Amino acid sequence: MLTIVHKIKDENGIHARPAGLLASECKNYNSEITIEKDGKKANARKIFEVMSLCVKNGEEITISINGDDEAKAFDALAVFLEKNL
């Protein structure tokens, strides 16, 4: 399992648009991908689960990736997070 810790830079946090972009990106990989904030976890492929975490600007999230293509997903999500969130 690989993990990414990321501080949100989007001034609006993770709202519908970035949650949708994240879910779409995660669907490109077979690995299980979860997002966690303050001990609450969500399936990163599910927009409403991601939005339910209510992640605000300046807060940290942890993305966990576990599966056969986790290294590929890790690299792509690291770039995605820096570019979009």
N, C-alpha and C. Protein backbone atom coordinates (compact mmCIF):
# COMPACT_ATOMS: atom_id res chain seq x y z
N MET A 1 0.84 -1.18 0.00
CA MET A 1 0.00 0.00 0.00
C MET A 1 0.89 1.24 0.00
N LEU A 2 0.48 2.21 -0.81
CA LEU A 2 1.19 3.48 -0.88
C LEU A 2 0.25 4.58 -0.40
N THR A 3 0.81 5.62 0.20
CA THR A 3 -0.02 6.73 0.67
C THR A 3 0.56 8.07 0.24
N ILE A 4 -0.34 9.01 0.04
CA ILE A 4 0.02 10.38 -0.29
C ILE A 4 -0.66 11.28 0.74
N VAL A 5 0.09 12.15 1.37
CA VAL A 5 -0.48 13.16 2.25
C VAL A 5 -0.41 14.48 1.49
N HIS A 6 -1.55 15.15 1.40
CA HIS A 6 -1.62 16.36 0.57
C HIS A 6 -2.41 17.44 1.30
N LYS A 7 -1.87 18.65 1.29
CA LYS A 7 -2.57 19.80 1.86
C LYS A 7 -3.36 20.49 0.74
N ILE A 8 -4.65 20.67 0.94
CA ILE A 8 -5.53 21.25 -0.07
C ILE A 8 -5.23 22.73 -0.27
N LYS A 9 -5.03 23.11 -1.54
CA LYS A 9 -4.71 24.50 -1.88
C LYS A 9 -5.85 25.20 -2.59
N ASP A 10 -6.84 24.45 -3.07
CA ASP A 10 -8.00 25.04 -3.74
C ASP A 10 -8.76 25.87 -2.71
N GLU A 11 -9.00 27.14 -3.00
CA GLU A 11 -9.62 28.04 -2.03
C GLU A 11 -11.01 27.60 -1.61
N ASN A 12 -11.67 26.78 -2.43
CA ASN A 12 -13.01 26.29 -2.09
C ASN A 12 -13.00 24.87 -1.52
N GLY A 13 -11.82 24.32 -1.32
CA GLY A 13 -11.73 22.95 -0.82
C GLY A 13 -12.14 21.95 -1.89
N ILE A 14 -12.56 20.77 -1.43
CA ILE A 14 -12.99 19.74 -2.38
C ILE A 14 -14.51 19.82 -2.49
N HIS A 15 -14.97 20.52 -3.51
CA HIS A 15 -16.40 20.64 -3.79
C HIS A 15 -16.71 19.75 -5.00
N ALA A 16 -17.86 19.93 -5.62
CA ALA A 16 -18.33 19.01 -6.66
C ALA A 16 -17.36 18.86 -7.83
N ARG A 17 -16.84 19.94 -8.38
CA ARG A 17 -15.98 19.84 -9.55
C ARG A 17 -14.70 19.05 -9.26
N PRO A 18 -13.92 19.44 -8.24
CA PRO A 18 -12.70 18.66 -7.99
C PRO A 18 -12.99 17.23 -7.52
N ALA A 19 -14.09 17.03 -6.81
CA ALA A 19 -14.45 15.67 -6.39
C ALA A 19 -14.73 14.81 -7.62
N GLY A 20 -15.41 15.38 -8.60
CA GLY A 20 -15.68 14.67 -9.84
C GLY A 20 -14.42 14.37 -10.62
N LEU A 21 -13.52 15.34 -10.67
CA LEU A 21 -12.25 15.12 -11.36
C LEU A 21 -11.43 14.02 -10.68
N LEU A 22 -11.40 14.06 -9.35
CA LEU A 22 -10.66 13.04 -8.59
C LEU A 22 -11.27 11.66 -8.84
N ALA A 23 -12.58 11.55 -8.76
CA ALA A 23 -13.25 10.27 -8.98
C ALA A 23 -12.94 9.74 -10.38
N SER A 24 -13.00 10.60 -11.37
CA SER A 24 -12.70 10.19 -12.75
C SER A 24 -11.27 9.71 -12.89
N GLU A 25 -10.34 10.41 -12.27
CA GLU A 25 -8.93 10.00 -12.33
C GLU A 25 -8.74 8.64 -11.67
N CYS A 26 -9.38 8.44 -10.54
CA CYS A 26 -9.22 7.17 -9.81
C CYS A 26 -9.79 5.98 -10.57
N LYS A 27 -10.78 6.22 -11.39
CA LYS A 27 -11.39 5.14 -12.17
C LYS A 27 -10.46 4.59 -13.24
N ASN A 28 -9.34 5.26 -13.48
CA ASN A 28 -8.36 4.79 -14.46
C ASN A 28 -7.49 3.65 -13.93
N TYR A 29 -7.64 3.30 -12.65
CA TYR A 29 -6.76 2.32 -12.02
C TYR A 29 -7.56 1.21 -11.36
N ASN A 30 -6.97 0.02 -11.31
CA ASN A 30 -7.61 -1.14 -10.69
C ASN A 30 -7.47 -1.13 -9.18
N SER A 31 -6.47 -0.44 -8.68
CA SER A 31 -6.20 -0.43 -7.24
C SER A 31 -7.34 0.19 -6.45
N GLU A 32 -7.47 -0.25 -5.21
CA GLU A 32 -8.42 0.37 -4.29
C GLU A 32 -7.82 1.71 -3.85
N ILE A 33 -8.59 2.78 -3.97
CA ILE A 33 -8.09 4.11 -3.62
C ILE A 33 -9.07 4.75 -2.66
N THR A 34 -8.57 5.12 -1.48
CA THR A 34 -9.41 5.76 -0.48
C THR A 34 -8.81 7.12 -0.12
N ILE A 35 -9.70 8.02 0.28
CA ILE A 35 -9.29 9.33 0.75
C ILE A 35 -9.75 9.43 2.20
N GLU A 36 -8.88 10.00 3.04
CA GLU A 36 -9.17 10.09 4.47
C GLU A 36 -8.89 11.48 4.99
N LYS A 37 -9.79 11.95 5.86
CA LYS A 37 -9.60 13.22 6.56
C LYS A 37 -10.15 13.05 7.97
N ASP A 38 -9.32 13.35 8.95
CA ASP A 38 -9.72 13.28 10.36
C ASP A 38 -10.32 11.93 10.74
N GLY A 39 -9.74 10.85 10.22
CA GLY A 39 -10.19 9.50 10.56
C GLY A 39 -11.40 9.01 9.79
N LYS A 40 -11.99 9.85 8.97
CA LYS A 40 -13.16 9.47 8.17
C LYS A 40 -12.67 9.14 6.77
N LYS A 41 -13.07 7.96 6.26
CA LYS A 41 -12.60 7.49 4.95
C LYS A 41 -13.72 7.48 3.93
N ALA A 42 -13.32 7.62 2.65
CA ALA A 42 -14.26 7.57 1.54
C ALA A 42 -13.61 6.88 0.36
N ASN A 43 -14.43 6.20 -0.43
CA ASN A 43 -13.98 5.61 -1.68
C ASN A 43 -13.74 6.76 -2.64
N ALA A 44 -12.52 6.91 -3.13
CA ALA A 44 -12.16 8.05 -3.98
C ALA A 44 -12.83 8.01 -5.34
N ARG A 45 -13.44 6.89 -5.71
CA ARG A 45 -14.16 6.79 -6.99
C ARG A 45 -15.60 7.31 -6.89
N LYS A 46 -16.05 7.59 -5.68
CA LYS A 46 -17.45 8.00 -5.46
C LYS A 46 -17.50 9.48 -5.09
N ILE A 47 -18.03 10.29 -6.00
CA ILE A 47 -18.05 11.74 -5.82
C ILE A 47 -18.69 12.15 -4.50
N PHE A 48 -19.86 11.59 -4.20
CA PHE A 48 -20.58 12.01 -3.01
C PHE A 48 -19.88 11.59 -1.73
N GLU A 49 -19.19 10.45 -1.76
CA GLU A 49 -18.41 10.04 -0.59
C GLU A 49 -17.26 11.02 -0.36
N VAL A 50 -16.59 11.42 -1.44
CA VAL A 50 -15.48 12.37 -1.33
C VAL A 50 -15.99 13.70 -0.79
N MET A 51 -17.11 14.17 -1.35
CA MET A 51 -17.68 15.45 -0.90
C MET A 51 -18.13 15.39 0.56
N SER A 52 -18.55 14.21 1.02
CA SER A 52 -19.04 14.07 2.40
C SER A 52 -17.95 14.31 3.44
N LEU A 53 -16.68 14.28 3.02
CA LEU A 53 -15.58 14.54 3.95
C LEU A 53 -15.47 16.02 4.30
N CYS A 54 -16.11 16.87 3.49
CA CYS A 54 -16.12 18.33 3.73
C CYS A 54 -14.70 18.89 3.90
N VAL A 55 -13.84 18.59 2.96
CA VAL A 55 -12.44 19.03 3.03
C VAL A 55 -12.35 20.50 2.61
N LYS A 56 -11.78 21.30 3.48
CA LYS A 56 -11.63 22.74 3.25
C LYS A 56 -10.20 23.08 2.85
N ASN A 57 -10.04 24.29 2.33
CA ASN A 57 -8.73 24.81 1.99
C ASN A 57 -7.82 24.76 3.22
N GLY A 58 -6.60 24.30 3.03
CA GLY A 58 -5.61 24.25 4.11
C GLY A 58 -5.62 22.96 4.91
N GLU A 59 -6.62 22.12 4.71
CA GLU A 59 -6.68 20.85 5.45
C GLU A 59 -5.90 19.77 4.72
N GLU A 60 -5.44 18.78 5.48
CA GLU A 60 -4.68 17.67 4.90
C GLU A 60 -5.56 16.45 4.69
N ILE A 61 -5.33 15.80 3.57
CA ILE A 61 -5.98 14.53 3.28
C ILE A 61 -4.89 13.47 3.10
N THR A 62 -5.29 12.23 3.27
CA THR A 62 -4.39 11.11 3.00
C THR A 62 -5.07 10.23 1.96
N ILE A 63 -4.37 9.98 0.88
CA ILE A 63 -4.85 9.08 -0.17
C ILE A 63 -4.10 7.77 0.01
N SER A 64 -4.84 6.66 0.13
CA SER A 64 -4.24 5.33 0.24
C SER A 64 -4.55 4.56 -1.02
N ILE A 65 -3.52 3.92 -1.56
CA ILE A 65 -3.64 3.18 -2.82
C ILE A 65 -3.12 1.77 -2.59
N ASN A 66 -3.96 0.78 -2.90
CA ASN A 66 -3.57 -0.60 -2.66
C ASN A 66 -4.04 -1.47 -3.83
N GLY A 67 -3.09 -2.09 -4.53
CA GLY A 67 -3.47 -2.97 -5.62
C GLY A 67 -2.35 -3.20 -6.60
N ASP A 68 -2.68 -3.89 -7.67
CA ASP A 68 -1.65 -4.30 -8.62
C ASP A 68 -1.04 -3.16 -9.43
N ASP A 69 -1.75 -2.05 -9.57
CA ASP A 69 -1.18 -0.91 -10.30
C ASP A 69 -0.99 0.31 -9.38
N GLU A 70 -0.72 0.03 -8.10
CA GLU A 70 -0.62 1.12 -7.12
C GLU A 70 0.51 2.10 -7.42
N ALA A 71 1.63 1.64 -7.95
CA ALA A 71 2.74 2.55 -8.24
C ALA A 71 2.36 3.52 -9.36
N LYS A 72 1.70 3.00 -10.38
CA LYS A 72 1.25 3.85 -11.49
C LYS A 72 0.20 4.85 -10.99
N ALA A 73 -0.74 4.38 -10.19
CA ALA A 73 -1.78 5.26 -9.65
C ALA A 73 -1.17 6.31 -8.72
N PHE A 74 -0.20 5.92 -7.91
CA PHE A 74 0.47 6.84 -6.99
C PHE A 74 1.09 8.00 -7.76
N ASP A 75 1.86 7.67 -8.80
CA ASP A 75 2.53 8.71 -9.59
C ASP A 75 1.52 9.66 -10.23
N ALA A 76 0.47 9.11 -10.82
CA ALA A 76 -0.52 9.94 -11.50
C ALA A 76 -1.30 10.79 -10.51
N LEU A 77 -1.68 10.23 -9.36
CA LEU A 77 -2.46 10.99 -8.38
C LEU A 77 -1.62 12.06 -7.71
N ALA A 78 -0.34 11.83 -7.52
CA ALA A 78 0.53 12.86 -6.95
C ALA A 78 0.54 14.09 -7.85
N VAL A 79 0.65 13.86 -9.14
CA VAL A 79 0.63 14.97 -10.12
C VAL A 79 -0.76 15.61 -10.13
N PHE A 80 -1.80 14.79 -10.16
CA PHE A 80 -3.18 15.29 -10.18
C PHE A 80 -3.45 16.20 -8.99
N LEU A 81 -3.07 15.77 -7.80
CA LEU A 81 -3.32 16.56 -6.59
C LEU A 81 -2.61 17.89 -6.63
N GLU A 82 -1.36 17.90 -7.05
CA GLU A 82 -0.61 19.18 -7.13
C GLU A 82 -1.24 20.12 -8.15
N LYS A 83 -1.74 19.57 -9.22
CA LYS A 83 -2.29 20.39 -10.31
C LYS A 83 -3.71 20.89 -10.00
N ASN A 84 -4.51 20.08 -9.33
CA ASN A 84 -5.94 20.36 -9.19
C ASN A 84 -6.43 20.67 -7.78
N LEU A 85 -5.72 20.27 -6.77
CA LEU A 85 -6.21 20.47 -5.42
C LEU A 85 -5.16 21.12 -4.54
